[in-house]
């Protein structure tokens, strides 16, 4: 059994400027090696946004937990709030902006698992 508590793992600022805590990653968590995806907890501070980026091979899902924001995928924009999930296909230029006064908090589910070489910043 694997049980991980977010309180035990720090958030780090990553390439797209989000503050991320890897909860489950098959390359980093003993016992999760057969997991086909990776799951991270992300925070975007009020007034901030991630940098535009793409994942070359993976599909990404954002499940919004707290706060409010604006999701940008290719030429489309949509407001996001708790209880919503966003599907981001491979090679889609995407970024998310916190439009509220509180942290925008969401889960990032990446399938297949996130790999650094798959993520590219774009303009």
Protein backbone atom coordinates (compact mmCIF):
# COMPACT_ATOMS: atom_id res chain seq x y z
CA UNK A 1 0.00 0.00 0.00
CA UNK A 2 1.23 3.48 -0.84
CA UNK A 3 -0.13 6.43 1.12
CA UNK A 4 1.52 9.81 0.64
CA UNK A 5 0.68 12.97 2.56
CA UNK A 6 1.25 16.26 0.75
CA UNK A 7 2.36 17.79 4.05
CA UNK A 8 5.47 15.58 3.88
CA UNK A 9 6.69 16.81 0.49
CA UNK A 10 7.64 20.38 -0.44
CA UNK A 11 6.43 22.26 -3.49
CA UNK A 12 9.15 23.39 -5.90
CA UNK A 13 8.98 26.02 -8.63
CA UNK A 14 9.28 24.15 -11.94
CA UNK A 15 10.00 25.04 -15.58
CA UNK A 16 6.53 26.51 -16.25
CA UNK A 17 6.66 28.61 -13.01
CA UNK A 18 4.03 26.58 -11.18
CA UNK A 19 4.72 25.44 -7.62
CA UNK A 20 4.59 21.65 -7.85
CA UNK A 21 4.69 18.70 -5.47
CA UNK A 22 5.04 15.29 -7.11
CA UNK A 23 2.66 13.02 -5.24
CA UNK A 24 3.03 9.85 -7.30
CA UNK A 25 5.57 9.24 -10.03
CA UNK A 26 6.58 5.73 -11.08
CA UNK A 27 10.23 6.77 -11.45
CA UNK A 28 10.38 8.40 -8.01
CA UNK A 29 8.11 6.49 -5.63
CA UNK A 30 9.01 2.98 -4.53
CA UNK A 31 6.14 0.60 -5.22
CA UNK A 32 4.61 2.78 -7.93
CA UNK A 33 6.85 1.54 -10.76
CA UNK A 34 3.92 0.02 -12.71
CA UNK A 35 1.84 3.20 -12.56
CA UNK A 36 1.10 4.42 -16.10
CA UNK A 37 0.71 8.08 -15.13
CA UNK A 38 2.16 10.64 -12.75
CA UNK A 39 0.19 12.84 -10.36
CA UNK A 40 1.33 16.18 -8.97
CA UNK A 41 -0.23 18.86 -6.78
CA UNK A 42 0.14 22.35 -8.28
CA UNK A 43 -0.29 25.85 -6.91
CA UNK A 44 -0.46 29.10 -8.86
CA UNK A 45 -0.29 32.18 -6.62
CA UNK A 46 -2.77 35.05 -7.03
CA UNK A 47 -2.00 37.17 -10.08
CA UNK A 48 0.47 34.62 -11.49
CA UNK A 49 0.31 32.28 -14.45
CA UNK A 50 2.33 29.42 -15.82
CA UNK A 51 4.52 29.94 -18.86
CA UNK A 52 3.13 28.67 -22.17
CA UNK A 53 4.34 25.14 -22.75
CA UNK A 54 3.56 21.85 -24.48
CA UNK A 55 3.98 18.22 -23.59
CA UNK A 56 5.20 16.51 -26.75
CA UNK A 57 3.86 13.01 -26.05
CA UNK A 58 1.68 13.04 -22.94
CA UNK A 59 -1.92 13.95 -22.25
CA UNK A 60 -2.42 16.15 -19.21
CA UNK A 61 -5.46 16.54 -16.98
CA UNK A 62 -5.91 19.42 -14.54
CA UNK A 63 -8.44 18.76 -11.78
CA UNK A 64 -9.21 22.05 -10.04
CA UNK A 65 -9.34 21.81 -6.22
CA UNK A 66 -9.37 25.43 -5.01
CA UNK A 67 -9.43 28.97 -6.38
CA UNK A 68 -10.36 30.35 -9.75
CA UNK A 69 -8.45 30.68 -12.96
CA UNK A 70 -8.40 30.92 -16.69
CA UNK A 71 -7.20 28.00 -18.81
CA UNK A 72 -5.61 28.66 -22.19
CA UNK A 73 -5.25 25.82 -24.69
CA UNK A 74 -4.22 26.68 -28.24
CA UNK A 75 -6.55 29.58 -29.16
CA UNK A 76 -9.26 28.78 -26.62
CA UNK A 77 -9.76 30.29 -23.16
CA UNK A 78 -12.14 29.11 -20.43
CA UNK A 79 -12.70 29.98 -16.77
CA UNK A 80 -11.94 27.16 -14.32
CA UNK A 81 -13.10 26.57 -10.76
CA UNK A 82 -13.21 23.77 -8.16
CA UNK A 83 -14.74 20.51 -9.31
CA UNK A 84 -13.80 20.97 -12.97
CA UNK A 85 -11.35 18.92 -14.98
CA UNK A 86 -9.47 20.12 -18.07
CA UNK A 87 -8.16 17.80 -20.80
CA UNK A 88 -4.95 18.99 -22.45
CA UNK A 89 -3.93 16.87 -25.45
CA UNK A 90 -0.31 16.23 -26.46
CA UNK A 91 1.36 19.08 -28.40
CA UNK A 92 -1.28 21.62 -27.30
CA UNK A 93 0.15 25.02 -26.36
CA UNK A 94 -1.21 25.66 -22.87
CA UNK A 95 -0.97 27.80 -19.78
CA UNK A 96 -3.17 28.64 -16.80
CA UNK A 97 -3.64 31.94 -14.96
CA UNK A 98 -4.88 32.55 -11.43
CA UNK A 99 -7.68 35.13 -11.67
CA UNK A 100 -8.67 35.06 -8.01
CA UNK A 101 -7.46 36.39 -4.68
CA UNK A 102 -6.54 32.96 -3.30
CA UNK A 103 -4.17 30.27 -4.51
CA UNK A 104 -5.29 28.30 -7.56
CA UNK A 105 -4.75 24.67 -6.56
CA UNK A 106 -5.12 21.65 -8.84
CA UNK A 107 -3.95 18.13 -9.51
CA UNK A 108 -1.89 17.49 -12.66
CA UNK A 109 -2.35 13.98 -13.98
CA UNK A 110 0.00 13.14 -16.85
CA UNK A 111 -0.26 10.02 -18.99
CA UNK A 112 2.07 8.51 -19.83
CA UNK A 113 4.13 9.66 -16.85
CA UNK A 114 5.68 13.13 -16.93
CA UNK A 115 9.24 13.29 -18.21
CA UNK A 116 11.39 16.42 -18.36
CA UNK A 117 12.34 15.80 -21.99
CA UNK A 118 8.64 15.80 -22.96
CA UNK A 119 7.98 19.37 -21.70
CA UNK A 120 8.96 22.37 -23.82
CA UNK A 121 8.40 26.09 -23.16
CA UNK A 122 6.90 27.89 -26.18
CA UNK A 123 6.14 31.49 -27.07
